Structures are given as structure tokens and as C-alpha cells.
């Protein structure tokens, strides 16, 4: 059973670091259009969500922008989960997104 857990963890780490093709990165922007970060894999996406300006995280979360990119990464369940997020309080948007992508 322990061996299975290690293999699952390895697969998860590999999925987190699988890069998208150049030009297919998730581009974090402010509502004004200013680019504040680019993620080429799920690991980078999580790291950028942690430090990106809150306005950017809220903009993308409320606009449901994360889903298409996550589907392209082969993460349809994660895309669906983020699509169901209801951001009623901007102050907790980052926490909600991080919880969803860290499951």
C-alpha cells in the first residue's frame, strides 16, 4: 500500500510540472490588462496565485478564466471545481483558489 501512495505522489508531482507549449501559458493580468505573471504548469500557477496582486486573482476567479487553461492541462475536474467557486468576498479569493488547486 505504501508503494502505491509513493507512485501516486510521483504522478501528481509530474502532472504539476508538465509544461504547456510556448504561448499557451496562463497569463495573470490585472483588470486593466497589465500582465503580472505567467504560468507554464500547475506548480507555477499555484506559486503565482500565492503572490499575484489580489486584483488579478479576483479578476480571473470571478471571470472564470482558469477553467479553459486547466482543461488544456488535462485537469477537467480541477477546472470544474474552480468554475463552481463563488467569490462573494474578494479578500478570501486567493485562499479559495489555492484550496481548490491544492486538493
N, C-alpha and C. Protein backbone atom coordinates (compact mmCIF):
# COMPACT_ATOMS: atom_id res chain seq x y z
N UNK A 1 0.83 -1.19 0.00
CA UNK A 1 0.00 0.00 0.00
C UNK A 1 0.87 1.25 0.00
N UNK A 2 1.96 1.25 0.77
CA UNK A 2 2.85 2.41 0.80
C UNK A 2 3.43 2.69 -0.58
N UNK A 3 3.79 1.63 -1.30
CA UNK A 3 4.34 1.81 -2.64
C UNK A 3 3.35 2.54 -3.54
N UNK A 4 2.08 2.19 -3.44
CA UNK A 4 1.05 2.84 -4.24
C UNK A 4 0.98 4.33 -3.92
N UNK A 5 1.04 4.69 -2.64
CA UNK A 5 1.00 6.10 -2.25
C UNK A 5 2.16 6.87 -2.83
N UNK A 6 3.35 6.28 -2.82
CA UNK A 6 4.53 6.93 -3.39
C UNK A 6 4.35 7.13 -4.88
N UNK A 7 3.82 6.12 -5.57
CA UNK A 7 3.61 6.24 -7.01
C UNK A 7 2.59 7.32 -7.32
N UNK A 8 1.53 7.42 -6.56
CA UNK A 8 0.52 8.45 -6.78
C UNK A 8 1.13 9.82 -6.55
N UNK A 9 1.93 9.97 -5.50
CA UNK A 9 2.58 11.25 -5.25
C UNK A 9 3.51 11.62 -6.39
N UNK A 10 4.22 10.66 -6.95
CA UNK A 10 5.13 10.94 -8.06
C UNK A 10 4.34 11.39 -9.29
N UNK A 11 3.22 10.73 -9.54
CA UNK A 11 2.39 11.12 -10.69
C UNK A 11 1.87 12.54 -10.49
N UNK A 12 1.45 12.85 -9.28
CA UNK A 12 0.92 14.17 -9.01
C UNK A 12 2.00 15.22 -9.21
N UNK A 13 3.20 14.97 -8.72
CA UNK A 13 4.29 15.91 -8.89
C UNK A 13 4.59 16.10 -10.38
N UNK A 14 4.59 15.00 -11.13
CA UNK A 14 4.86 15.08 -12.56
C UNK A 14 3.79 15.90 -13.26
N UNK A 15 2.52 15.69 -12.91
CA UNK A 15 1.43 16.46 -13.52
C UNK A 15 1.58 17.94 -13.20
N UNK A 16 1.98 18.27 -11.96
CA UNK A 16 2.14 19.66 -11.55
C UNK A 16 3.21 20.37 -12.36
N UNK A 17 4.19 19.62 -12.85
CA UNK A 17 5.32 20.24 -13.53
C UNK A 17 5.31 20.04 -15.04
N UNK A 18 4.23 19.48 -15.58
CA UNK A 18 4.12 19.28 -17.02
C UNK A 18 3.87 20.64 -17.68
N UNK A 19 4.81 21.07 -18.50
CA UNK A 19 4.72 22.39 -19.13
C UNK A 19 3.79 22.38 -20.34
N UNK A 20 3.10 23.49 -20.52
CA UNK A 20 2.30 23.68 -21.72
C UNK A 20 3.22 24.17 -22.84
N UNK A 21 2.74 24.11 -24.05
CA UNK A 21 3.53 24.59 -25.19
C UNK A 21 3.74 26.11 -25.07
N UNK A 22 4.85 26.59 -25.61
CA UNK A 22 5.08 28.04 -25.61
C UNK A 22 3.87 28.77 -26.20
N UNK A 23 3.49 29.85 -25.56
CA UNK A 23 2.33 30.63 -26.00
C UNK A 23 1.02 30.16 -25.39
N UNK A 24 1.06 29.05 -24.64
CA UNK A 24 -0.15 28.51 -24.01
C UNK A 24 -0.15 28.71 -22.49
N UNK A 25 0.78 29.49 -21.99
CA UNK A 25 0.87 29.75 -20.56
C UNK A 25 -0.39 30.47 -20.07
N UNK A 26 -0.70 30.31 -18.78
CA UNK A 26 -1.78 31.12 -18.21
C UNK A 26 -1.17 32.47 -17.89
N UNK A 27 -1.76 33.52 -18.43
CA UNK A 27 -1.26 34.87 -18.24
C UNK A 27 -2.11 35.57 -17.18
N UNK A 28 -1.50 35.84 -16.06
CA UNK A 28 -2.18 36.57 -14.99
C UNK A 28 -2.13 38.06 -15.32
N UNK A 29 -3.29 38.68 -15.33
CA UNK A 29 -3.38 40.10 -15.64
C UNK A 29 -4.19 40.81 -14.57
N UNK A 30 -3.97 42.09 -14.49
CA UNK A 30 -4.85 42.95 -13.71
C UNK A 30 -6.07 43.27 -14.58
N UNK A 31 -7.14 43.75 -14.00
CA UNK A 31 -8.31 44.12 -14.82
C UNK A 31 -7.97 45.15 -15.91
N UNK A 32 -6.93 45.93 -15.70
CA UNK A 32 -6.50 46.93 -16.68
C UNK A 32 -5.77 46.30 -17.87
N UNK A 33 -5.41 45.01 -17.75
CA UNK A 33 -4.69 44.33 -18.82
C UNK A 33 -3.21 44.20 -18.60
N UNK A 34 -2.70 44.80 -17.55
CA UNK A 34 -1.27 44.71 -17.24
C UNK A 34 -0.94 43.28 -16.81
N UNK A 35 0.07 42.68 -17.46
CA UNK A 35 0.49 41.32 -17.15
C UNK A 35 1.31 41.32 -15.87
N UNK A 36 0.94 40.43 -14.94
CA UNK A 36 1.65 40.35 -13.67
C UNK A 36 2.30 38.99 -13.44
N UNK A 37 2.11 38.06 -14.37
CA UNK A 37 2.74 36.75 -14.24
C UNK A 37 2.29 35.79 -15.31
N UNK A 38 3.09 34.75 -15.53
CA UNK A 38 2.76 33.70 -16.49
C UNK A 38 3.12 32.35 -15.88
N UNK A 39 2.20 31.39 -16.04
CA UNK A 39 2.44 30.04 -15.52
C UNK A 39 2.43 29.06 -16.67
N UNK A 40 3.46 28.22 -16.73
CA UNK A 40 3.52 27.22 -17.80
C UNK A 40 3.17 25.82 -17.31
N UNK A 41 2.91 25.70 -15.99
CA UNK A 41 2.47 24.42 -15.43
C UNK A 41 1.70 24.68 -14.15
N UNK A 42 1.12 23.64 -13.60
CA UNK A 42 0.26 23.79 -12.43
C UNK A 42 1.05 24.25 -11.20
N UNK A 43 2.28 23.79 -11.07
CA UNK A 43 3.11 24.22 -9.93
C UNK A 43 3.33 25.73 -9.98
N UNK A 44 3.69 26.25 -11.16
CA UNK A 44 3.90 27.69 -11.30
C UNK A 44 2.60 28.46 -11.08
N UNK A 45 1.49 27.89 -11.56
CA UNK A 45 0.18 28.51 -11.37
C UNK A 45 -0.08 28.72 -9.88
N UNK A 46 0.13 27.67 -9.08
CA UNK A 46 -0.09 27.77 -7.64
C UNK A 46 0.81 28.82 -7.02
N UNK A 47 2.08 28.83 -7.42
CA UNK A 47 3.03 29.79 -6.85
C UNK A 47 2.63 31.23 -7.20
N UNK A 48 2.18 31.44 -8.41
CA UNK A 48 1.80 32.80 -8.81
C UNK A 48 0.52 33.23 -8.09
N UNK A 49 -0.44 32.33 -7.94
CA UNK A 49 -1.66 32.67 -7.20
C UNK A 49 -1.31 33.16 -5.80
N UNK A 50 -0.27 32.58 -5.20
CA UNK A 50 0.14 32.97 -3.84
C UNK A 50 0.64 34.40 -3.76
N UNK A 51 1.25 34.90 -4.84
CA UNK A 51 1.92 36.20 -4.77
C UNK A 51 1.35 37.26 -5.71
N UNK A 52 0.50 36.87 -6.62
CA UNK A 52 -0.06 37.84 -7.58
C UNK A 52 -0.90 38.88 -6.83
N UNK A 53 -1.00 40.07 -7.38
CA UNK A 53 -1.89 41.05 -6.75
C UNK A 53 -3.30 40.47 -6.62
N UNK A 54 -3.93 40.75 -5.49
CA UNK A 54 -5.27 40.22 -5.24
C UNK A 54 -6.23 40.60 -6.36
N UNK A 55 -6.09 41.79 -6.90
CA UNK A 55 -6.97 42.22 -8.00
C UNK A 55 -6.90 41.26 -9.19
N UNK A 56 -5.72 40.71 -9.45
CA UNK A 56 -5.55 39.78 -10.55
C UNK A 56 -6.25 38.45 -10.26
N UNK A 57 -6.05 37.93 -9.06
CA UNK A 57 -6.68 36.66 -8.68
C UNK A 57 -8.19 36.80 -8.72
N UNK A 58 -8.71 37.88 -8.18
CA UNK A 58 -10.17 38.11 -8.16
C UNK A 58 -10.69 38.25 -9.59
N UNK A 59 -9.99 39.00 -10.41
CA UNK A 59 -10.39 39.21 -11.81
C UNK A 59 -10.54 37.87 -12.54
N UNK A 60 -9.55 37.02 -12.41
CA UNK A 60 -9.59 35.73 -13.11
C UNK A 60 -10.59 34.76 -12.48
N UNK A 61 -10.68 34.76 -11.15
CA UNK A 61 -11.61 33.85 -10.47
C UNK A 61 -13.06 34.21 -10.78
N UNK A 62 -13.38 35.48 -10.65
CA UNK A 62 -14.76 35.91 -10.93
C UNK A 62 -15.10 35.79 -12.41
N UNK A 63 -14.10 35.97 -13.27
CA UNK A 63 -14.31 35.87 -14.71
C UNK A 63 -14.29 34.44 -15.22
N UNK A 64 -14.04 33.49 -14.32
CA UNK A 64 -13.99 32.06 -14.67
C UNK A 64 -12.94 31.79 -15.75
N UNK A 65 -11.80 32.48 -15.67
CA UNK A 65 -10.75 32.36 -16.67
C UNK A 65 -9.84 31.15 -16.48
N UNK A 66 -9.81 30.58 -15.29
CA UNK A 66 -8.89 29.48 -15.00
C UNK A 66 -9.28 28.17 -15.68
N UNK A 67 -10.57 27.95 -15.86
CA UNK A 67 -11.08 26.66 -16.32
C UNK A 67 -10.54 26.16 -17.65
N UNK A 68 -10.57 26.98 -18.67
CA UNK A 68 -10.12 26.55 -20.00
C UNK A 68 -8.66 26.13 -19.97
N UNK A 69 -7.85 26.89 -19.25
CA UNK A 69 -6.42 26.57 -19.17
C UNK A 69 -6.21 25.26 -18.43
N UNK A 70 -6.93 25.07 -17.34
CA UNK A 70 -6.80 23.82 -16.58
C UNK A 70 -7.28 22.62 -17.39
N UNK A 71 -8.32 22.79 -18.17
CA UNK A 71 -8.78 21.71 -19.06
C UNK A 71 -7.69 21.36 -20.06
N UNK A 72 -7.02 22.39 -20.60
CA UNK A 72 -5.95 22.17 -21.56
C UNK A 72 -4.80 21.38 -20.90
N UNK A 73 -4.61 21.57 -19.60
CA UNK A 73 -3.58 20.84 -18.86
C UNK A 73 -4.01 19.41 -18.57
N UNK A 74 -5.24 19.07 -18.91
CA UNK A 74 -5.74 17.74 -18.61
C UNK A 74 -6.27 17.63 -17.20
N UNK A 75 -6.78 18.73 -16.67
CA UNK A 75 -7.30 18.79 -15.31
C UNK A 75 -8.78 19.21 -15.31
N UNK A 76 -9.66 18.44 -15.99
CA UNK A 76 -11.06 18.87 -16.09
C UNK A 76 -11.77 18.93 -14.74
N UNK A 77 -11.45 18.05 -13.82
CA UNK A 77 -12.10 18.07 -12.50
C UNK A 77 -11.71 19.34 -11.74
N UNK A 78 -10.45 19.69 -11.80
CA UNK A 78 -9.98 20.91 -11.16
C UNK A 78 -10.61 22.14 -11.81
N UNK A 79 -10.71 22.12 -13.12
CA UNK A 79 -11.35 23.23 -13.85
C UNK A 79 -12.79 23.38 -13.40
N UNK A 80 -13.49 22.27 -13.27
CA UNK A 80 -14.88 22.29 -12.84
C UNK A 80 -15.01 22.84 -11.42
N UNK A 81 -14.11 22.41 -10.55
CA UNK A 81 -14.15 22.87 -9.16
C UNK A 81 -13.93 24.38 -9.08
N UNK A 82 -12.96 24.88 -9.82
CA UNK A 82 -12.72 26.32 -9.80
C UNK A 82 -13.88 27.08 -10.43
N UNK A 83 -14.51 26.48 -11.42
CA UNK A 83 -15.66 27.11 -12.06
C UNK A 83 -16.85 27.25 -11.14
N UNK A 84 -16.92 26.39 -10.13
CA UNK A 84 -18.03 26.44 -9.18
C UNK A 84 -17.79 27.42 -8.03
N UNK A 85 -16.58 27.94 -7.91
CA UNK A 85 -16.29 28.87 -6.82
C UNK A 85 -17.18 30.11 -6.91
N UNK A 86 -17.73 30.48 -5.78
CA UNK A 86 -18.49 31.71 -5.69
C UNK A 86 -17.66 32.70 -4.88
N UNK A 87 -17.16 33.71 -5.53
CA UNK A 87 -16.32 34.71 -4.86
C UNK A 87 -17.21 35.88 -4.45
N UNK A 88 -17.67 35.84 -3.21
CA UNK A 88 -18.51 36.91 -2.69
C UNK A 88 -17.71 37.91 -1.88
N UNK A 89 -16.54 37.50 -1.44
CA UNK A 89 -15.67 38.35 -0.64
C UNK A 89 -14.29 38.33 -1.29
N UNK A 90 -13.92 39.42 -1.92
CA UNK A 90 -12.64 39.48 -2.63
C UNK A 90 -11.46 39.11 -1.74
N UNK A 91 -11.54 39.42 -0.46
CA UNK A 91 -10.42 39.20 0.45
C UNK A 91 -10.08 37.71 0.60
N UNK A 92 -11.03 36.81 0.35
CA UNK A 92 -10.74 35.39 0.50
C UNK A 92 -10.58 34.67 -0.84
N UNK A 93 -10.59 35.39 -1.94
CA UNK A 93 -10.49 34.78 -3.27
C UNK A 93 -9.22 33.94 -3.41
N UNK A 94 -8.10 34.49 -2.99
CA UNK A 94 -6.82 33.77 -3.13
C UNK A 94 -6.87 32.46 -2.35
N UNK A 95 -7.38 32.51 -1.14
CA UNK A 95 -7.47 31.32 -0.29
C UNK A 95 -8.36 30.26 -0.94
N UNK A 96 -9.50 30.67 -1.47
CA UNK A 96 -10.41 29.73 -2.11
C UNK A 96 -9.77 29.07 -3.34
N UNK A 97 -9.08 29.84 -4.14
CA UNK A 97 -8.42 29.29 -5.34
C UNK A 97 -7.31 28.33 -4.92
N UNK A 98 -6.50 28.72 -3.96
CA UNK A 98 -5.41 27.85 -3.51
C UNK A 98 -5.93 26.54 -2.90
N UNK A 99 -6.99 26.62 -2.14
CA UNK A 99 -7.58 25.40 -1.57
C UNK A 99 -8.04 24.47 -2.69
N UNK A 100 -8.68 25.04 -3.69
CA UNK A 100 -9.21 24.23 -4.79
C UNK A 100 -8.11 23.53 -5.58
N UNK A 101 -7.01 24.22 -5.84
CA UNK A 101 -5.95 23.63 -6.66
C UNK A 101 -4.95 22.80 -5.85
N UNK A 102 -5.08 22.81 -4.53
CA UNK A 102 -4.15 22.07 -3.69
C UNK A 102 -4.74 20.77 -3.15
N UNK A 103 -5.90 20.41 -3.58
CA UNK A 103 -6.53 19.17 -3.10
C UNK A 103 -5.87 17.96 -3.71
